[in-house]
C-alpha atoms as a PDB file:
ATOM      1  CA  UNK A   1       0.000   0.000   0.000  1.00  0.00           C
ATOM      2  CA  UNK A   2       1.178   3.523  -0.763  1.00  0.00           C
ATOM      3  CA  UNK A   3       2.578   5.591   2.068  1.00  0.00           C
ATOM      4  CA  UNK A   4       4.111   9.010   2.642  1.00  0.00           C
ATOM      5  CA  UNK A   5       7.768   8.878   3.742  1.00  0.00           C
ATOM      6  CA  UNK A   6       8.205  12.640   4.174  1.00  0.00           C
ATOM      7  CA  UNK A   7       5.949  15.704   4.064  1.00  0.00           C
ATOM      8  CA  UNK A   8       6.527  19.446   4.320  1.00  0.00           C
ATOM      9  CA  UNK A   9       4.770  22.672   3.378  1.00  0.00           C
ATOM     10  CA  UNK A  10       7.128  25.453   2.347  1.00  0.00           C
ATOM     11  CA  UNK A  11       7.326  28.780   0.557  1.00  0.00           C
ATOM     12  CA  UNK A  12       9.752  27.619  -2.150  1.00  0.00           C
ATOM     13  CA  UNK A  13      11.787  24.705  -3.454  1.00  0.00           C
ATOM     14  CA  UNK A  14      15.133  25.033  -5.175  1.00  0.00           C
ATOM     15  CA  UNK A  15      16.687  22.229  -7.182  1.00  0.00           C
ATOM     16  CA  UNK A  16      20.436  22.290  -7.543  1.00  0.00           C
ATOM     17  CA  UNK A  17      22.750  19.474  -8.729  1.00  0.00           C
ATOM     18  CA  UNK A  18      20.044  16.821  -8.232  1.00  0.00           C
ATOM     19  CA  UNK A  19      19.409  18.077  -4.702  1.00  0.00           C
ATOM     20  CA  UNK A  20      16.135  19.521  -3.545  1.00  0.00           C
ATOM     21  CA  UNK A  21      16.361  22.417  -1.097  1.00  0.00           C
ATOM     22  CA  UNK A  22      13.306  23.287   0.975  1.00  0.00           C
ATOM     23  CA  UNK A  23      13.049  27.057   1.492  1.00  0.00           C
ATOM     24  CA  UNK A  24      11.137  28.384   4.521  1.00  0.00           C
ATOM     25  CA  UNK A  25       9.271  25.299   5.740  1.00  0.00           C
ATOM     26  CA  UNK A  26       5.996  26.209   7.419  1.00  0.00           C
ATOM     27  CA  UNK A  27       3.531  24.624   9.834  1.00  0.00           C
ATOM     28  CA  UNK A  28       1.883  27.823  11.076  1.00  0.00           C
ATOM     29  CA  UNK A  29       1.113  30.781   8.819  1.00  0.00           C
ATOM     30  CA  UNK A  30       0.336  34.232  10.190  1.00  0.00           C
ATOM     31  CA  UNK A  31      -1.777  36.425   7.915  1.00  0.00           C
ATOM     32  CA  UNK A  32      -2.649  40.087   8.494  1.00  0.00           C
ATOM     33  CA  UNK A  33      -6.334  39.631   7.706  1.00  0.00           C
ATOM     34  CA  UNK A  34      -8.995  37.063   6.807  1.00  0.00           C
ATOM     35  CA  UNK A  35     -10.115  36.157   4.237  1.00  0.00           C
ATOM     36  CA  UNK A  36      -6.792  36.206   2.435  1.00  0.00           C
ATOM     37  CA  UNK A  37      -4.951  34.417  -0.370  1.00  0.00           C
ATOM     38  CA  UNK A  38      -1.819  32.432   0.353  1.00  0.00           C
ATOM     39  CA  UNK A  39       0.641  30.668  -1.961  1.00  0.00           C
ATOM     40  CA  UNK A  40       2.775  27.731  -0.839  1.00  0.00           C
ATOM     41  CA  UNK A  41       4.165  24.379  -1.920  1.00  0.00           C
ATOM     42  CA  UNK A  42       3.220  20.958  -0.609  1.00  0.00           C
ATOM     43  CA  UNK A  43       6.177  18.592  -0.981  1.00  0.00           C
ATOM     44  CA  UNK A  44       6.047  14.903  -0.126  1.00  0.00           C
ATOM     45  CA  UNK A  45       7.745  11.621  -0.896  1.00  0.00           C
ATOM     46  CA  UNK A  46       5.448   8.841  -2.003  1.00  0.00           C
ATOM     47  CA  UNK A  47       6.710   5.276  -1.540  1.00  0.00           C
ATOM     48  CA  UNK A  48       5.468   1.722  -1.993  1.00  0.00           C
ATOM     49  CA  UNK A  49       2.965   2.687  -4.661  1.00  0.00           C
ATOM     50  CA  UNK A  50       1.550   0.294  -7.233  1.00  0.00           C
ATOM     51  CA  UNK A  51       2.332   0.991 -10.889  1.00  0.00           C
ATOM     52  CA  UNK A  52      -1.187  -0.063 -11.858  1.00  0.00           C
ATOM     53  CA  UNK A  53      -2.434   2.666 -14.240  1.00  0.00           C
ATOM     54  CA  UNK A  54      -5.869   2.465 -12.618  1.00  0.00           C
ATOM     55  CA  UNK A  55      -4.459   3.790  -9.336  1.00  0.00           C
ATOM     56  CA  UNK A  56      -5.138   7.480  -8.864  1.00  0.00           C
ATOM     57  CA  UNK A  57      -3.801   9.956  -6.346  1.00  0.00           C
ATOM     58  CA  UNK A  58      -5.894  12.775  -4.859  1.00  0.00           C
ATOM     59  CA  UNK A  59      -4.986  15.673  -2.590  1.00  0.00           C
ATOM     60  CA  UNK A  60      -7.583  17.760  -0.765  1.00  0.00           C
ATOM     61  CA  UNK A  61      -7.408  20.526   1.818  1.00  0.00           C
ATOM     62  CA  UNK A  62     -10.201  21.093   4.316  1.00  0.00           C
ATOM     63  CA  UNK A  63     -10.718  24.165   6.482  1.00  0.00           C
ATOM     64  CA  UNK A  64     -11.488  24.146  10.245  1.00  0.00           C
ATOM     65  CA  UNK A  65     -15.194  23.630   9.420  1.00  0.00           C
ATOM     66  CA  UNK A  66     -14.455  20.543   7.284  1.00  0.00           C
ATOM     67  CA  UNK A  67     -15.225  22.411   4.043  1.00  0.00           C
ATOM     68  CA  UNK A  68     -13.048  21.535   1.051  1.00  0.00           C
ATOM     69  CA  UNK A  69     -10.945  24.528  -0.022  1.00  0.00           C
ATOM     70  CA  UNK A  70      -8.769  22.632  -2.524  1.00  0.00           C
ATOM     71  CA  UNK A  71      -9.280  19.451  -4.541  1.00  0.00           C
ATOM     72  CA  UNK A  72      -6.606  18.282  -6.989  1.00  0.00           C
ATOM     73  CA  UNK A  73      -8.969  15.912  -8.726  1.00  0.00           C
ATOM     74  CA  UNK A  74      -7.717  12.435  -9.565  1.00  0.00           C
ATOM     75  CA  UNK A  75      -4.096  12.355 -10.661  1.00  0.00           C
ATOM     76  CA  UNK A  76      -2.294   9.351 -12.164  1.00  0.00           C
ATOM     77  CA  UNK A  77       0.563   7.893 -10.163  1.00  0.00           C
ATOM     78  CA  UNK A  78       3.964   8.691 -11.624  1.00  0.00           C
ATOM     79  CA  UNK A  79       5.624   5.816 -13.444  1.00  0.00           C
ATOM     80  CA  UNK A  80       8.608   4.180 -11.768  1.00  0.00           C
ATOM     81  CA  UNK A  81      12.029   5.144 -12.980  1.00  0.00           C
ATOM     82  CA  UNK A  82      15.317   3.320 -13.352  1.00  0.00           C
ATOM     83  CA  UNK A  83      17.875   3.945 -10.621  1.00  0.00           C
ATOM     84  CA  UNK A  84      21.129   1.910 -10.679  1.00  0.00           C
ATOM     85  CA  UNK A  85      19.457  -0.641 -12.975  1.00  0.00           C
ATOM     86  CA  UNK A  86      16.595  -1.148 -10.520  1.00  0.00           C
ATOM     87  CA  UNK A  87      13.060   0.073 -10.886  1.00  0.00           C
ATOM     88  CA  UNK A  88      12.072   2.047  -7.834  1.00  0.00           C
ATOM     89  CA  UNK A  89       8.660   3.150  -6.664  1.00  0.00           C
ATOM     90  CA  UNK A  90       9.671   6.135  -4.612  1.00  0.00           C
ATOM     91  CA  UNK A  91       9.179   9.623  -5.946  1.00  0.00           C
ATOM     92  CA  UNK A  92       9.148  13.182  -4.661  1.00  0.00           C
ATOM     93  CA  UNK A  93       6.035  15.205  -5.539  1.00  0.00           C
ATOM     94  CA  UNK A  94       5.764  18.984  -5.254  1.00  0.00           C
ATOM     95  CA  UNK A  95       2.409  20.689  -5.663  1.00  0.00           C
ATOM     96  CA  UNK A  96       2.501  24.466  -6.057  1.00  0.00           C
ATOM     97  CA  UNK A  97      -0.659  26.141  -4.756  1.00  0.00           C
ATOM     98  CA  UNK A  98      -1.051  29.754  -5.838  1.00  0.00           C
ATOM     99  CA  UNK A  99      -3.482  32.141  -4.160  1.00  0.00           C
ATOM    100  CA  UNK A 100      -5.397  29.562  -2.150  1.00  0.00           C
ATOM    101  CA  UNK A 101      -8.229  31.406  -0.414  1.00  0.00           C
ATOM    102  CA  UNK A 102      -7.974  31.153   3.364  1.00  0.00           C
ATOM    103  CA  UNK A 103     -11.267  32.265   4.930  1.00  0.00           C
ATOM    104  CA  UNK A 104     -10.681  31.523   8.620  1.00  0.00           C
ATOM    105  CA  UNK A 105      -8.055  31.062  11.298  1.00  0.00           C
ATOM    106  CA  UNK A 106      -7.488  27.549  12.560  1.00  0.00           C
ATOM    107  CA  UNK A 107      -6.292  24.113  11.533  1.00  0.00           C
ATOM    108  CA  UNK A 108      -6.511  23.196   7.868  1.00  0.00           C
ATOM    109  CA  UNK A 109      -5.981  19.525   7.054  1.00  0.00           C
ATOM    110  CA  UNK A 110      -4.235  18.207   3.970  1.00  0.00           C
ATOM    111  CA  UNK A 111      -5.450  14.740   2.925  1.00  0.00           C
ATOM    112  CA  UNK A 112      -3.605  12.477   0.508  1.00  0.00           C
ATOM    113  CA  UNK A 113      -5.696   9.634  -0.884  1.00  0.00           C
ATOM    114  CA  UNK A 114      -5.376   6.753  -3.330  1.00  0.00           C
ATOM    115  CA  UNK A 115      -8.560   5.257  -4.766  1.00  0.00           C
ATOM    116  CA  UNK A 116     -10.485   7.342  -2.201  1.00  0.00           C
ATOM    117  CA  UNK A 117      -8.638   5.502   0.585  1.00  0.00           C
ATOM    118  CA  UNK A 118      -6.722   7.887   2.810  1.00  0.00           C
ATOM    119  CA  UNK A 119      -2.955   7.381   2.793  1.00  0.00           C
ATOM    120  CA  UNK A 120      -2.225  10.107   5.337  1.00  0.00           C
ATOM    121  CA  UNK A 121      -3.194  13.601   6.518  1.00  0.00           C
ATOM    122  CA  UNK A 122      -1.206  16.592   7.768  1.00  0.00           C
ATOM    123  CA  UNK A 123      -2.236  19.820   9.539  1.00  0.00           C
ATOM    124  CA  UNK A 124      -1.363  23.377   8.491  1.00  0.00           C
ATOM    125  CA  UNK A 125      -2.322  26.186  10.873  1.00  0.00           C
ATOM    126  CA  UNK A 126      -3.405  29.722  10.010  1.00  0.00           C
ATOM    127  CA  UNK A 127      -3.391  32.514  12.603  1.00  0.00           C
ATOM    128  CA  UNK A 128      -4.012  36.241  12.555  1.00  0.00           C
ATOM    129  CA  UNK A 129      -0.809  38.277  12.718  1.00  0.00           C
ATOM    130  CA  UNK A 130      -1.552  40.930  15.330  1.00  0.00           C
ATOM    131  CA  UNK A 131       2.024  42.258  15.372  1.00  0.00           C
ATOM    132  CA  UNK A 132       1.304  44.674  12.485  1.00  0.00           C
ATOM    133  CA  UNK A 133      -1.159  46.779  14.483  1.00  0.00           C
END
């Protein structure tokens, strides 16, 4: 069964000499007002996935009231690639979300599913930044 080996939300990703550099990882975001738009990247490593072309991956984000604020739709799994003459089924996926509308403060949950079966979920918190007053 598919599983997530690593997960991070961040503001940017840089790729240099076959290395991925996470820039400004985040778990709590402070915004000056609500509603607001926020752009960020969801980066995760997917392992132990089946190469069956019928398998589909889906990522959704739900707000503190369990309302869906983002739905990727069904995405095909990436095909395995050759690494040292072995086929591997581990791949890094980065999803760039631009101007996602954030209506409320609180815990937003990111769900990663395969065939509508949840693989894992991760929280991302949004707070009001009162330091600008």
